[in-house]
Amino acid sequence: MVTILTSPLSYLLRGCYNAAVRVSDDAQHAIIKGAKAFEAKSATGEAIYGSINTGLGGSADTRTKASDKLKEDLLSILHYGILAETTASQGCLDHDKDSQETDLVKPVLRLTHESATVMLESWIRAYLGQAQLFGAWECLALVNGTSVSAAVAALAMHEALGLAALSQVLTAMGVEAFRGTDESFDPFLAAVRPHWGQVESSRNISIMLEGSRLVDRGRGLDASSLRQDRYSLRTASQWLGPTLEDLSLANTQITVELNSATDNPLIDASISRPRVLHGGNFQAKAITSAVEKIRQGAQSIGRILFAQCTELINPVMSRGLPPNLVATEPSESFIFKGTDVLVASLISELGFLSNPVASHVQTAEMGNQGVNSLALISCRYTLDALDILSQLAAAHLVAFCQALDLRALQWRFLATLEPEFRASIRQSIATHLENPETIASLQPLIMPSLMSSGEAFRALVCCNKHLHDVTRKRFTDIRRQYVREGDAAELLGRASKQIYTYIRKDLGIPFIGGPETLATPADSEQSGTGLTMGALNSRVRAAMAAGKLNQVVMGCIKETERPNPSAVAKL
């Protein structure tokens, strides 16, 4: 049996030649036995579809003995694609065929030997015009696009699972950035509505928040506070859970397809008199079904990340963060407003890409192909959608790290100011209060408690001015210090700490403490370089594409694995 899983295959397809897909001795024996049986059947003159002795598709009612001519005609179908007039690849293919054999085919032969598939080798040889190297039955297998679609789907699946894991980490970071509560992820809520995706995501996010000093675990106890978090946080596990379940089913469908025989005809060589069976295993609807789940799941993930990001940038909804996440004067700096616009455009495009492809099937090839999977088209759009989602997640991550630094800056500022603030209150107006204990609750109770005398009100005015001056100076000093050496990691939960540290230390994405941190448009135009928000987002996106950020994310997911989990992890 050949067992191919989506993640190892994705590494192999990306050129990681040390990644191998092993084929058992039994499977290799079955392949050889089937090939011999196929040759024996062909020699008898029995009508066998494809490049043996029948016409193709709707022309299968014709018969011929010119199998070599059939092979050439069949392979010519691979040359109907419309290419650019001049490309680097065309220039490469204009060189000597022997050099191409050395440069292109040999590395692929090693891969195909390990994975027991002739697909990549066949595509290259067909492109080079070496049809004579194929057996009669191989040409039809080459034209069959199901295997290619399954390979592209495996790449999409791998990307999608990584982004699904990242969405849970980002939600945990969001709870901290908003000073939200972990009450939304209490195990009881999932236990009374036990969809496994909700149970799993809720549990993961809850564990990721462990150790956080920014999580408000007493939310709503104050009369003026918002009793519960907004939907983008409070219903995150209910929103992400069904997507995890869809991705799990898609992963199962793709894994089954990778380990299936999808040619036509197929040979049953397990019996004493082997049979050649003509069927439709090449119909790749299972792949279309899988990647459309992935694409719609990408839109669903993107939509909740979009909501979290835009709410964080909006001062009306961010619970005390400055407008546009600026660390300086909000009337003069609008750094993350561009991010707000960026994520809106990305989620709009992602929404368009999430539309189904399968509903656009047309009859083809003399009416013979009444239905077609359009699997490869759907796979291509899915990869496009995942690319858009990764861009959105990269911008989201840069914004959330900024928000976490602003929370840490606030934390440091208030911790420094508190003793001086209390001392100033005591010295200025405590003696003018009927109940000095009301100092702790300040204005709502200070004003009714204040003695009705001119001296008391003058003391209050003096206190206000002193506190204004002290507060402004302390904040300016602490902000300057934080820009130089600030680090929010000590306040963060398990997952946020790892991601934040990776972004700040490994990738070198700085806290945007002021306009001087970024290059101006004039600087970028003159030098051709410069630290722009686009450059920072692109740096994170590149780390995602290289799989480096995914390693950190999967480390966060790994830490959520506990003995006797509340639900079986199906991803």
Protein backbone atom coordinates (compact mmCIF):
# COMPACT_ATOMS: atom_id res chain seq x y z
CA MET A 1 0.00 0.00 0.00
CA VAL A 2 1.15 3.56 -0.75
CA THR A 3 0.39 6.02 2.04
CA ILE A 4 0.73 9.65 0.99
CA LEU A 5 -0.17 12.43 3.42
CA THR A 6 -0.75 16.06 2.47
CA SER A 7 2.02 17.66 4.54
CA PRO A 8 4.96 15.43 3.44
CA LEU A 9 3.78 15.64 -0.17
CA SER A 10 3.62 19.43 0.01
CA TYR A 11 7.25 19.55 1.12
CA LEU A 12 8.22 17.26 -1.75
CA LEU A 13 6.33 19.36 -4.30
CA ARG A 14 8.02 22.52 -3.01
CA GLY A 15 11.39 21.06 -3.94
CA CYS A 16 12.43 19.59 -0.57
CA TYR A 17 14.08 16.61 -2.25
CA ASN A 18 14.90 14.88 1.00
CA ALA A 19 11.18 14.47 1.67
CA ALA A 20 10.21 11.01 0.51
CA VAL A 21 7.00 9.10 -0.03
CA ARG A 22 7.75 5.41 0.44
CA VAL A 23 6.07 2.64 -1.49
CA SER A 24 5.70 -0.80 0.07
CA ASP A 25 7.06 -3.91 -1.62
CA ASP A 26 3.50 -5.22 -1.99
CA ALA A 27 2.44 -2.08 -3.81
CA GLN A 28 5.41 -2.22 -6.17
CA HIS A 29 4.69 -5.89 -6.87
CA ALA A 30 1.04 -5.08 -7.65
CA ILE A 31 2.10 -2.30 -10.06
CA ILE A 32 4.45 -4.64 -11.94
CA LYS A 33 1.86 -7.41 -12.04
CA GLY A 34 -0.79 -5.03 -13.36
CA ALA A 35 1.54 -3.70 -16.08
CA LYS A 36 2.30 -7.22 -17.28
CA ALA A 37 -1.40 -8.09 -17.32
CA PHE A 38 -2.11 -4.93 -19.32
CA GLU A 39 0.53 -5.83 -21.91
CA ALA A 40 -0.87 -9.34 -22.21
CA LYS A 41 -4.40 -8.04 -22.76
CA SER A 42 -3.16 -5.56 -25.36
CA ALA A 43 -1.44 -8.31 -27.29
CA THR A 44 -4.72 -10.20 -27.74
CA GLY A 45 -6.25 -7.35 -29.75
CA GLU A 46 -9.02 -6.75 -27.19
CA ALA A 47 -10.48 -3.27 -27.50
CA ILE A 48 -8.87 -1.18 -24.76
CA TYR A 49 -9.58 2.50 -24.50
CA GLY A 50 -6.92 5.17 -24.73
CA SER A 51 -3.66 5.03 -26.61
CA ILE A 52 -3.94 1.28 -27.25
CA ASN A 53 -6.32 0.67 -30.10
CA THR A 54 -9.37 2.92 -29.75
CA GLY A 55 -10.04 6.57 -30.43
CA LEU A 56 -10.25 9.11 -27.65
CA GLY A 57 -13.28 10.35 -25.71
CA GLY A 58 -16.30 10.75 -27.94
CA SER A 59 -14.27 9.13 -30.76
CA ALA A 60 -13.79 5.88 -28.89
CA ASP A 61 -15.93 4.11 -31.49
CA THR A 62 -12.93 4.00 -33.85
CA ARG A 63 -10.28 1.25 -33.89
CA THR A 64 -6.68 1.29 -35.06
CA LYS A 65 -3.45 -0.64 -34.81
CA ALA A 66 -1.30 2.50 -35.04
CA SER A 67 -0.75 2.88 -31.30
CA ASP A 68 2.38 5.00 -31.79
CA LYS A 69 0.36 7.55 -33.74
CA LEU A 70 -2.28 7.48 -31.01
CA LYS A 71 0.37 8.27 -28.42
CA GLU A 72 1.60 11.29 -30.35
CA ASP A 73 -1.91 12.62 -30.89
CA LEU A 74 -2.78 12.08 -27.24
CA LEU A 75 0.31 13.88 -25.98
CA SER A 76 -0.35 16.78 -28.32
CA ILE A 77 -3.36 17.61 -26.13
CA LEU A 78 -0.88 18.82 -23.51
CA HIS A 79 0.31 21.54 -25.92
CA TYR A 80 -2.92 23.51 -26.33
CA GLY A 81 -2.30 25.92 -23.47
CA ILE A 82 -1.76 29.59 -24.34
CA LEU A 83 1.63 30.86 -23.19
CA ALA A 84 3.24 34.27 -23.10
CA GLU A 85 5.14 35.17 -26.25
CA THR A 86 8.52 35.22 -24.54
CA THR A 87 9.25 33.69 -21.17
CA ALA A 88 12.31 32.50 -19.36
CA SER A 89 11.00 28.95 -19.44
CA GLN A 90 10.60 29.03 -23.22
CA GLY A 91 14.15 30.27 -23.56
CA CYS A 92 15.34 27.37 -21.44
CA LEU A 93 13.44 24.86 -23.54
CA ASP A 94 15.03 26.16 -26.73
CA HIS A 95 18.33 24.58 -25.65
CA ASP A 96 19.61 21.12 -26.49
CA LYS A 97 17.36 18.23 -25.48
CA ASP A 98 20.25 16.29 -23.88
CA SER A 99 21.11 19.15 -21.55
CA GLN A 100 17.45 19.33 -20.53
CA GLU A 101 17.53 15.64 -19.72
CA THR A 102 20.45 16.29 -17.40
CA ASP A 103 19.17 19.52 -15.82
CA LEU A 104 15.47 18.76 -15.50
CA VAL A 105 14.63 15.11 -15.77
CA LYS A 106 17.24 13.50 -13.53
CA PRO A 107 16.28 15.37 -10.31
CA VAL A 108 12.65 14.60 -11.02
CA LEU A 109 13.44 10.95 -11.72
CA ARG A 110 14.82 10.69 -8.19
CA LEU A 111 11.62 12.17 -6.81
CA THR A 112 9.41 9.96 -8.92
CA HIS A 113 11.41 6.89 -7.95
CA GLU A 114 10.79 7.67 -4.29
CA SER A 115 7.12 8.41 -4.79
CA ALA A 116 6.41 5.68 -7.35
CA THR A 117 4.67 8.08 -9.73
CA VAL A 118 5.51 8.82 -13.35
CA MET A 119 3.44 11.99 -13.41
CA LEU A 120 6.18 14.61 -13.01
CA GLU A 121 8.61 12.64 -15.16
CA SER A 122 5.95 12.17 -17.82
CA TRP A 123 5.04 15.84 -17.93
CA ILE A 124 8.65 16.85 -18.47
CA ARG A 125 9.31 14.21 -21.11
CA ALA A 126 6.09 15.06 -22.91
CA TYR A 127 7.03 18.73 -22.88
CA LEU A 128 10.39 17.85 -24.36
CA GLY A 129 8.70 15.82 -27.08
CA GLN A 130 10.00 12.42 -26.00
CA ALA A 131 6.76 10.50 -26.54
CA GLN A 132 8.66 7.42 -27.66
CA LEU A 133 9.78 6.82 -24.07
CA PHE A 134 6.23 6.07 -22.91
CA GLY A 135 4.35 2.83 -22.78
CA ALA A 136 1.05 2.86 -24.60
CA TRP A 137 -1.03 3.11 -21.42
CA GLU A 138 1.14 5.86 -19.87
CA CYS A 139 0.06 8.52 -22.34
CA LEU A 140 -3.57 8.48 -21.27
CA ALA A 141 -2.51 8.55 -17.62
CA LEU A 142 -0.42 11.62 -18.43
CA VAL A 143 -3.32 13.51 -20.00
CA ASN A 144 -5.51 12.65 -17.01
CA GLY A 145 -5.37 15.76 -14.84
CA THR A 146 -6.66 14.15 -11.65
CA SER A 147 -3.22 13.41 -10.21
CA VAL A 148 -2.01 16.94 -10.89
CA SER A 149 -5.15 18.37 -9.29
CA ALA A 150 -4.65 16.16 -6.22
CA ALA A 151 -1.04 17.36 -5.90
CA VAL A 152 -2.07 21.04 -6.09
CA ALA A 153 -4.88 20.35 -3.61
CA ALA A 154 -2.32 18.87 -1.21
CA LEU A 155 -0.34 22.12 -1.36
CA ALA A 156 -3.51 24.10 -0.67
CA MET A 157 -4.44 21.79 2.20
CA HIS A 158 -1.08 22.23 3.85
CA GLU A 159 -1.33 26.03 3.61
CA ALA A 160 -4.89 26.03 4.89
CA LEU A 161 -4.11 23.94 7.97
CA GLY A 162 -1.27 26.29 8.87
CA LEU A 163 -3.50 29.35 8.52
CA ALA A 164 -6.27 27.67 10.54
CA ALA A 165 -3.77 27.09 13.35
CA LEU A 166 -2.55 30.69 13.06
CA SER A 167 -6.13 32.02 13.31
CA GLN A 168 -6.45 30.46 16.77
CA VAL A 169 -3.16 32.00 17.91
CA LEU A 170 -4.20 35.39 16.52
CA THR A 171 -7.50 35.17 18.37
CA ALA A 172 -5.65 34.53 21.63
CA MET A 173 -3.46 37.56 20.87
CA GLY A 174 -6.62 39.52 20.18
CA VAL A 175 -8.09 38.73 23.59
CA GLU A 176 -4.94 40.18 25.16
CA ALA A 177 -4.74 43.18 22.83
CA PHE A 178 -8.36 44.09 23.62
CA ARG A 179 -7.90 43.36 27.35
CA GLY A 180 -10.70 40.84 26.81
CA THR A 181 -11.85 37.95 28.95
CA ASP A 182 -11.21 34.21 28.76
CA GLU A 183 -14.77 33.56 29.95
CA SER A 184 -15.83 33.04 26.31
CA PHE A 185 -13.65 29.91 26.15
CA ASP A 186 -14.84 28.28 29.36
CA PRO A 187 -15.07 24.48 28.83
CA PHE A 188 -18.69 24.47 29.99
CA LEU A 189 -19.80 26.45 26.93
CA ALA A 190 -18.28 23.90 24.58
CA ALA A 191 -19.49 20.95 26.66
CA VAL A 192 -23.14 21.94 26.26
CA ARG A 193 -22.69 22.44 22.50
CA PRO A 194 -20.12 19.76 21.71
CA HIS A 195 -19.27 20.27 18.05
CA TRP A 196 -15.72 18.96 18.06
CA GLY A 197 -14.34 21.96 16.15
CA GLN A 198 -15.74 24.37 18.73
CA VAL A 199 -14.54 22.20 21.60
CA GLU A 200 -11.04 22.00 20.13
CA SER A 201 -10.60 25.66 19.21
CA SER A 202 -12.06 26.85 22.51
CA ARG A 203 -9.71 24.60 24.43
CA ASN A 204 -6.70 25.66 22.36
CA ILE A 205 -7.35 29.39 22.79
CA SER A 206 -7.98 28.98 26.51
CA ILE A 207 -4.64 27.21 27.00
CA MET A 208 -2.86 29.79 24.82
CA LEU A 209 -4.05 32.53 27.19
CA GLU A 210 -2.52 30.89 30.27
CA GLY A 211 -0.08 33.16 32.07
CA SER A 212 -1.35 36.36 30.46
CA ARG A 213 -1.47 39.43 32.67
CA LEU A 214 -3.49 41.34 30.09
CA VAL A 215 -6.55 39.07 30.13
CA ASP A 216 -9.36 40.60 32.20
CA ARG A 217 -10.69 37.68 34.22
CA GLY A 218 -13.21 39.84 36.07
CA ARG A 219 -14.91 41.34 33.03
CA GLY A 220 -18.15 43.15 33.64
CA LEU A 221 -17.87 43.53 37.40
CA ASP A 222 -17.44 47.28 37.06
CA ALA A 223 -20.67 49.15 36.38
CA SER A 224 -19.24 51.12 33.42
CA SER A 225 -17.49 48.24 31.64
CA LEU A 226 -18.66 46.21 28.65
CA ARG A 227 -20.07 43.03 30.22
CA GLN A 228 -18.90 40.76 27.43
CA ASP A 229 -16.46 40.87 24.55
CA ARG A 230 -17.67 41.65 21.06
CA TYR A 231 -18.48 38.89 18.58
CA SER A 232 -15.05 38.73 16.92
CA LEU A 233 -13.61 37.44 20.21
CA ARG A 234 -16.58 36.08 22.14
CA THR A 235 -17.83 33.81 19.33
CA ALA A 236 -14.42 32.97 17.84
CA SER A 237 -14.54 29.27 18.74
CA GLN A 238 -18.10 28.98 17.42
CA TRP A 239 -16.97 30.68 14.19
CA LEU A 240 -13.66 28.87 13.69
CA GLY A 241 -14.92 25.48 14.87
CA PRO A 242 -17.05 24.63 11.80
CA THR A 243 -14.16 25.73 9.56
CA LEU A 244 -11.84 23.30 11.34
CA GLU A 245 -14.40 20.54 10.78
CA ASP A 246 -14.66 21.40 7.07
CA LEU A 247 -10.88 21.41 6.72
CA SER A 248 -10.69 18.05 8.46
CA LEU A 249 -13.13 16.57 5.93
CA ALA A 250 -11.23 18.19 3.05
CA ASN A 251 -7.98 16.74 4.39
CA THR A 252 -9.57 13.27 4.48
CA GLN A 253 -10.85 13.63 0.91
CA ILE A 254 -7.47 14.74 -0.43
CA THR A 255 -5.58 12.06 1.49
CA VAL A 256 -7.87 9.35 0.09
CA GLU A 257 -7.40 10.77 -3.42
CA LEU A 258 -3.61 10.79 -3.06
CA ASN A 259 -3.73 7.10 -2.21
CA SER A 260 -6.14 6.14 -5.00
CA ALA A 261 -5.89 4.80 -8.55
CA THR A 262 -7.49 7.32 -10.90
CA ASP A 263 -6.59 6.07 -14.37
CA ASN A 264 -8.91 4.68 -17.02
CA PRO A 265 -8.87 1.86 -17.76
CA LEU A 266 -7.70 0.11 -14.60
CA ILE A 267 -6.41 -3.44 -14.29
CA ASP A 268 -7.63 -5.84 -11.65
CA ALA A 269 -4.67 -8.21 -11.46
CA SER A 270 -5.66 -9.71 -8.11
CA ILE A 271 -7.41 -12.66 -9.77
CA SER A 272 -6.14 -15.50 -11.92
CA ARG A 273 -7.61 -13.97 -15.08
CA PRO A 274 -6.94 -10.20 -14.79
CA ARG A 275 -9.65 -7.81 -15.94
CA VAL A 276 -9.37 -4.48 -17.74
CA LEU A 277 -12.10 -2.26 -16.33
CA HIS A 278 -13.28 0.94 -18.01
CA GLY A 279 -14.70 3.38 -15.49
CA GLY A 280 -14.64 6.97 -14.21
CA ASN A 281 -12.15 7.06 -11.36
CA PHE A 282 -10.52 10.03 -13.09
CA GLN A 283 -13.53 12.25 -12.30
CA ALA A 284 -11.94 14.60 -9.73
CA LYS A 285 -15.11 15.89 -8.09
CA ALA A 286 -13.75 14.79 -4.70
CA ILE A 287 -10.86 17.22 -5.15
CA THR A 288 -13.20 20.01 -6.23
CA SER A 289 -15.35 19.35 -3.19
CA ALA A 290 -12.30 19.46 -0.91
CA VAL A 291 -10.70 22.63 -2.24
CA GLU A 292 -13.99 24.52 -2.29
CA LYS A 293 -14.30 23.74 1.41
CA ILE A 294 -10.78 25.08 1.84
CA ARG A 295 -11.53 28.24 -0.13
CA GLN A 296 -14.73 28.99 1.74
CA GLY A 297 -12.94 28.23 4.99
CA ALA A 298 -10.23 30.74 4.03
CA GLN A 299 -12.90 33.40 3.57
CA SER A 300 -14.45 32.52 6.93
CA ILE A 301 -11.09 32.78 8.71
CA GLY A 302 -10.30 36.00 6.88
CA ARG A 303 -13.61 37.55 7.87
CA ILE A 304 -13.08 37.10 11.60
CA LEU A 305 -9.47 38.31 11.37
CA PHE A 306 -10.72 41.35 9.46
CA ALA A 307 -13.26 42.10 12.20
CA GLN A 308 -10.66 41.75 14.95
CA CYS A 309 -8.16 43.96 13.14
CA THR A 310 -10.55 46.78 12.24
CA GLU A 311 -12.05 46.85 15.73
CA LEU A 312 -8.56 47.10 17.21
CA ILE A 313 -7.68 50.10 15.03
CA ASN A 314 -10.98 51.85 15.84
CA PRO A 315 -10.64 53.76 19.16
CA VAL A 316 -14.37 53.48 19.78
CA MET A 317 -14.06 49.69 20.01
CA SER A 318 -10.49 49.04 21.15
CA ARG A 319 -10.96 49.60 24.90
CA GLY A 320 -8.53 52.42 25.42
CA LEU A 321 -6.03 52.01 22.60
CA PRO A 322 -5.15 55.18 20.68
CA PRO A 323 -6.67 55.85 17.23
CA ASN A 324 -4.88 54.00 14.44
CA LEU A 325 -2.63 52.36 17.05
CA VAL A 326 -0.27 55.35 17.11
CA ALA A 327 2.13 55.90 19.99
CA THR A 328 2.42 59.64 19.39
CA GLU A 329 -0.05 62.49 18.78
CA PRO A 330 -3.16 60.95 17.16
CA SER A 331 -3.97 64.15 15.27
CA GLU A 332 -0.62 64.02 13.47
CA SER A 333 -0.06 60.32 12.86
CA PHE A 334 -2.31 57.76 11.17
CA ILE A 335 0.09 54.83 10.77
CA PHE A 336 -2.34 51.90 10.86
CA LYS A 337 -5.13 53.61 8.93
CA GLY A 338 -3.51 52.19 5.82
CA THR A 339 -3.71 48.73 7.38
CA ASP A 340 -7.42 49.31 8.01
CA VAL A 341 -7.94 50.03 4.30
CA LEU A 342 -5.63 47.18 3.24
CA VAL A 343 -7.48 44.45 5.14
CA ALA A 344 -10.81 45.76 3.81
CA SER A 345 -9.61 45.37 0.23
CA LEU A 346 -8.16 41.94 0.92
CA ILE A 347 -11.31 40.56 2.54
CA SER A 348 -13.35 41.90 -0.38
CA GLU A 349 -11.19 40.01 -2.86
CA LEU A 350 -11.26 36.94 -0.64
CA GLY A 351 -15.05 37.07 -0.61
CA PHE A 352 -15.10 37.06 -4.40
CA LEU A 353 -12.68 34.13 -4.60
CA SER A 354 -14.79 32.07 -2.21
CA ASN A 355 -17.52 31.67 -4.82
CA PRO A 356 -17.90 28.08 -6.08
CA VAL A 357 -16.26 26.94 -9.31
CA ALA A 358 -18.12 23.62 -9.65
CA SER A 359 -21.37 25.37 -10.57
CA HIS A 360 -19.78 26.61 -13.81
CA VAL A 361 -19.21 23.19 -15.42
CA GLN A 362 -19.77 23.03 -19.19
CA THR A 363 -20.23 20.03 -21.48
CA ALA A 364 -17.06 19.35 -23.48
CA GLU A 365 -15.55 17.12 -26.15
CA MET A 366 -18.37 16.13 -28.53
CA GLY A 367 -20.78 15.96 -25.59
CA ASN A 368 -18.86 12.99 -24.18
CA GLN A 369 -17.83 14.92 -21.08
CA GLY A 370 -21.27 15.90 -19.85
CA VAL A 371 -19.86 16.79 -16.44
CA ASN A 372 -16.36 17.87 -15.51
CA SER A 373 -14.86 18.44 -12.08
CA LEU A 374 -12.99 21.68 -12.91
CA ALA A 375 -10.74 20.53 -10.06
CA LEU A 376 -7.55 22.20 -11.25
CA ILE A 377 -9.34 25.52 -11.82
CA SER A 378 -10.79 25.32 -8.32
CA CYS A 379 -7.35 24.41 -6.92
CA ARG A 380 -5.80 27.45 -8.59
CA TYR A 381 -8.40 29.81 -7.16
CA THR A 382 -7.95 28.17 -3.76
CA LEU A 383 -4.22 28.87 -3.82
CA ASP A 384 -5.03 32.47 -4.78
CA ALA A 385 -7.47 32.71 -1.86
CA LEU A 386 -4.93 31.32 0.58
CA ASP A 387 -2.36 33.81 -0.66
CA ILE A 388 -4.81 36.66 -0.01
CA LEU A 389 -5.58 35.24 3.45
CA SER A 390 -1.88 35.03 4.29
CA GLN A 391 -1.44 38.69 3.31
CA LEU A 392 -4.35 39.64 5.55
CA ALA A 393 -2.94 37.55 8.42
CA ALA A 394 0.49 39.16 8.01
CA ALA A 395 -0.94 42.70 8.25
CA HIS A 396 -3.14 41.56 11.15
CA LEU A 397 -0.12 40.18 13.00
CA VAL A 398 1.92 43.37 12.63
CA ALA A 399 -1.04 45.41 13.93
CA PHE A 400 -1.61 43.08 16.89
CA CYS A 401 2.04 43.20 17.95
CA GLN A 402 1.77 47.01 17.86
CA ALA A 403 -1.34 46.84 20.04
CA LEU A 404 0.38 44.54 22.55
CA ASP A 405 3.27 46.98 22.83
CA LEU A 406 0.84 49.83 23.40
CA ARG A 407 -0.80 47.82 26.20
CA ALA A 408 2.63 47.17 27.72
CA LEU A 409 3.45 50.87 27.42
CA GLN A 410 0.19 51.72 29.19
CA TRP A 411 0.95 49.11 31.85
CA ARG A 412 4.40 50.55 32.52
CA PHE A 413 3.09 54.11 32.52
CA LEU A 414 0.29 53.44 35.02
CA ALA A 415 2.57 51.39 37.27
CA THR A 416 5.04 54.29 37.37
CA LEU A 417 2.39 56.97 37.78
CA GLU A 418 0.27 55.32 40.47
CA PRO A 419 2.36 56.10 43.58
CA GLU A 420 2.98 59.69 42.48
CA PHE A 421 -0.69 60.11 41.62
CA ARG A 422 -1.84 58.90 45.03
CA ALA A 423 0.69 61.09 46.82
CA SER A 424 -0.42 64.17 44.88
CA ILE A 425 -4.09 63.54 45.73
CA ARG A 426 -3.33 63.15 49.42
CA GLN A 427 -1.22 66.28 49.58
CA SER A 428 -3.65 68.52 47.71
CA ILE A 429 -7.27 67.63 48.49
CA ALA A 430 -7.43 64.77 51.00
CA THR A 431 -7.78 67.24 53.86
CA HIS A 432 -10.75 68.86 52.12
CA LEU A 433 -12.77 65.64 51.82
CA GLU A 434 -15.41 64.63 54.31
CA ASN A 435 -14.48 61.01 53.55
CA PRO A 436 -10.81 60.69 52.49
CA GLU A 437 -11.39 57.04 51.48
CA THR A 438 -13.23 58.25 48.39
CA ILE A 439 -9.82 59.07 46.88
CA ALA A 440 -9.72 55.50 45.61
CA SER A 441 -12.82 56.00 43.47
CA LEU A 442 -11.97 59.55 42.35
CA GLN A 443 -14.33 61.88 40.53
CA PRO A 444 -17.76 60.16 40.76
CA LEU A 445 -17.52 60.24 44.56
CA ILE A 446 -15.00 63.03 45.12
CA MET A 447 -17.27 65.79 43.83
CA PRO A 448 -20.25 65.02 46.15
CA SER A 449 -17.82 64.51 49.03
CA LEU A 450 -15.88 67.73 48.48
CA MET A 451 -16.40 70.33 51.22
CA SER A 452 -18.28 73.41 50.05
CA SER A 453 -15.53 75.97 50.37
CA GLY A 454 -13.52 78.09 47.98
CA GLU A 455 -10.29 76.73 49.41
CA ALA A 456 -11.37 73.16 48.64
CA PHE A 457 -12.18 73.97 45.00
CA ARG A 458 -8.91 75.87 44.58
CA ALA A 459 -7.10 72.82 45.93
CA LEU A 460 -8.91 70.64 43.40
CA VAL A 461 -7.95 72.95 40.52
CA CYS A 462 -4.35 72.98 41.69
CA CYS A 463 -4.37 69.20 41.97
CA ASN A 464 -5.71 68.86 38.42
CA LYS A 465 -2.98 71.07 37.00
CA HIS A 466 -0.24 69.27 38.89
CA LEU A 467 -1.52 65.87 37.79
CA HIS A 468 -1.76 67.05 34.19
CA ASP A 469 1.86 68.20 34.18
CA VAL A 470 3.13 65.10 35.97
CA THR A 471 1.13 62.72 33.79
CA ARG A 472 2.29 64.30 30.54
CA LYS A 473 5.94 64.30 31.57
CA ARG A 474 5.87 60.72 32.86
CA PHE A 475 4.15 59.44 29.72
CA THR A 476 6.63 61.22 27.43
CA ASP A 477 9.60 59.82 29.38
CA ILE A 478 8.23 56.29 29.54
CA ARG A 479 7.24 56.28 25.86
CA ARG A 480 10.74 57.38 24.87
CA GLN A 481 12.23 54.64 27.04
CA TYR A 482 9.82 52.00 25.73
CA VAL A 483 10.59 52.80 22.10
CA ARG A 484 14.27 52.16 22.85
CA GLU A 485 14.00 48.99 24.92
CA GLY A 486 10.37 48.06 25.44
CA ASP A 487 9.25 44.43 25.46
CA ALA A 488 5.70 43.22 26.06
CA ALA A 489 6.61 39.53 26.37
CA GLU A 490 6.48 39.43 30.17
CA LEU A 491 2.78 40.35 30.12
CA LEU A 492 1.71 37.83 27.48
CA GLY A 493 0.21 34.37 27.50
CA ARG A 494 1.86 31.19 26.26
CA ALA A 495 1.16 31.59 22.54
CA SER A 496 1.32 35.37 22.23
CA LYS A 497 4.72 35.44 23.90
CA GLN A 498 6.21 33.07 21.31
CA ILE A 499 4.71 34.82 18.30
CA TYR A 500 5.49 38.31 19.62
CA THR A 501 9.11 37.34 20.32
CA TYR A 502 9.49 35.82 16.86
CA ILE A 503 8.08 38.93 15.17
CA ARG A 504 10.11 41.39 17.23
CA LYS A 505 13.40 39.49 17.64
CA ASP A 506 13.72 37.03 14.76
CA LEU A 507 12.08 39.10 12.04
CA GLY A 508 13.16 42.46 13.45
CA ILE A 509 9.73 44.07 13.09
CA PRO A 510 9.94 47.11 15.41
CA PHE A 511 7.39 48.79 17.61
CA ILE A 512 6.28 51.85 15.64
CA GLY A 513 6.98 54.43 18.31
CA GLY A 514 6.71 57.42 16.01
CA PRO A 515 6.95 58.59 12.41
CA GLU A 516 10.74 58.47 12.61
CA THR A 517 10.56 54.65 12.73
CA LEU A 518 9.31 54.48 9.14
CA ALA A 519 10.75 55.87 5.94
CA THR A 520 8.90 58.75 4.30
CA PRO A 521 7.71 58.36 0.70
CA ALA A 522 10.50 60.75 -0.34
CA ASP A 523 13.13 58.62 1.41
CA SER A 524 11.87 55.45 -0.26
CA GLU A 525 11.76 57.10 -3.68
CA GLN A 526 15.30 58.46 -3.41
CA SER A 527 16.99 55.36 -1.99
CA GLY A 528 14.80 52.64 -3.43
CA THR A 529 14.60 51.15 0.05
CA GLY A 530 13.15 52.12 3.38
CA LEU A 531 11.21 50.70 6.28
CA THR A 532 7.59 51.09 5.20
CA MET A 533 4.51 49.39 6.58
CA GLY A 534 4.32 47.45 3.33
CA ALA A 535 7.89 46.25 3.84
CA LEU A 536 7.08 45.11 7.40
CA ASN A 537 3.95 43.27 6.29
CA SER A 538 5.91 41.69 3.44
CA ARG A 539 8.60 40.48 5.82
CA VAL A 540 6.01 38.62 7.86
CA ARG A 541 4.38 37.28 4.70
CA ALA A 542 7.76 35.98 3.49
CA ALA A 543 8.28 34.15 6.79
CA MET A 544 4.88 32.54 6.33
CA ALA A 545 5.70 31.49 2.76
CA ALA A 546 9.01 29.97 3.89
CA GLY A 547 7.25 27.95 6.59
CA LYS A 548 9.28 29.58 9.38
CA LEU A 549 6.37 31.32 11.08
CA ASN A 550 4.34 28.13 10.74
CA GLN A 551 6.92 26.29 12.84
CA VAL A 552 6.37 28.76 15.68
CA VAL A 553 2.60 28.50 15.30
CA MET A 554 2.67 24.71 15.37
CA GLY A 555 4.81 24.92 18.50
CA CYS A 556 1.98 26.92 20.10
CA ILE A 557 -0.55 24.30 18.99
CA LYS A 558 1.69 21.52 20.30
CA GLU A 559 1.63 23.11 23.74
CA THR A 560 -2.16 22.78 23.86
CA GLU A 561 -1.88 18.99 23.83
CA ARG A 562 -2.73 17.76 27.31
CA PRO A 563 -3.52 14.34 28.78
CA ASN A 564 -7.23 13.45 28.61
CA PRO A 565 -8.23 16.32 26.33
CA SER A 566 -11.82 17.45 26.25
CA ALA A 567 -12.12 16.46 22.59
CA VAL A 568 -10.11 14.40 20.16
CA ALA A 569 -7.99 16.61 17.92
CA LYS A 570 -9.03 15.71 14.40
CA LEU A 571 -6.54 17.91 12.59
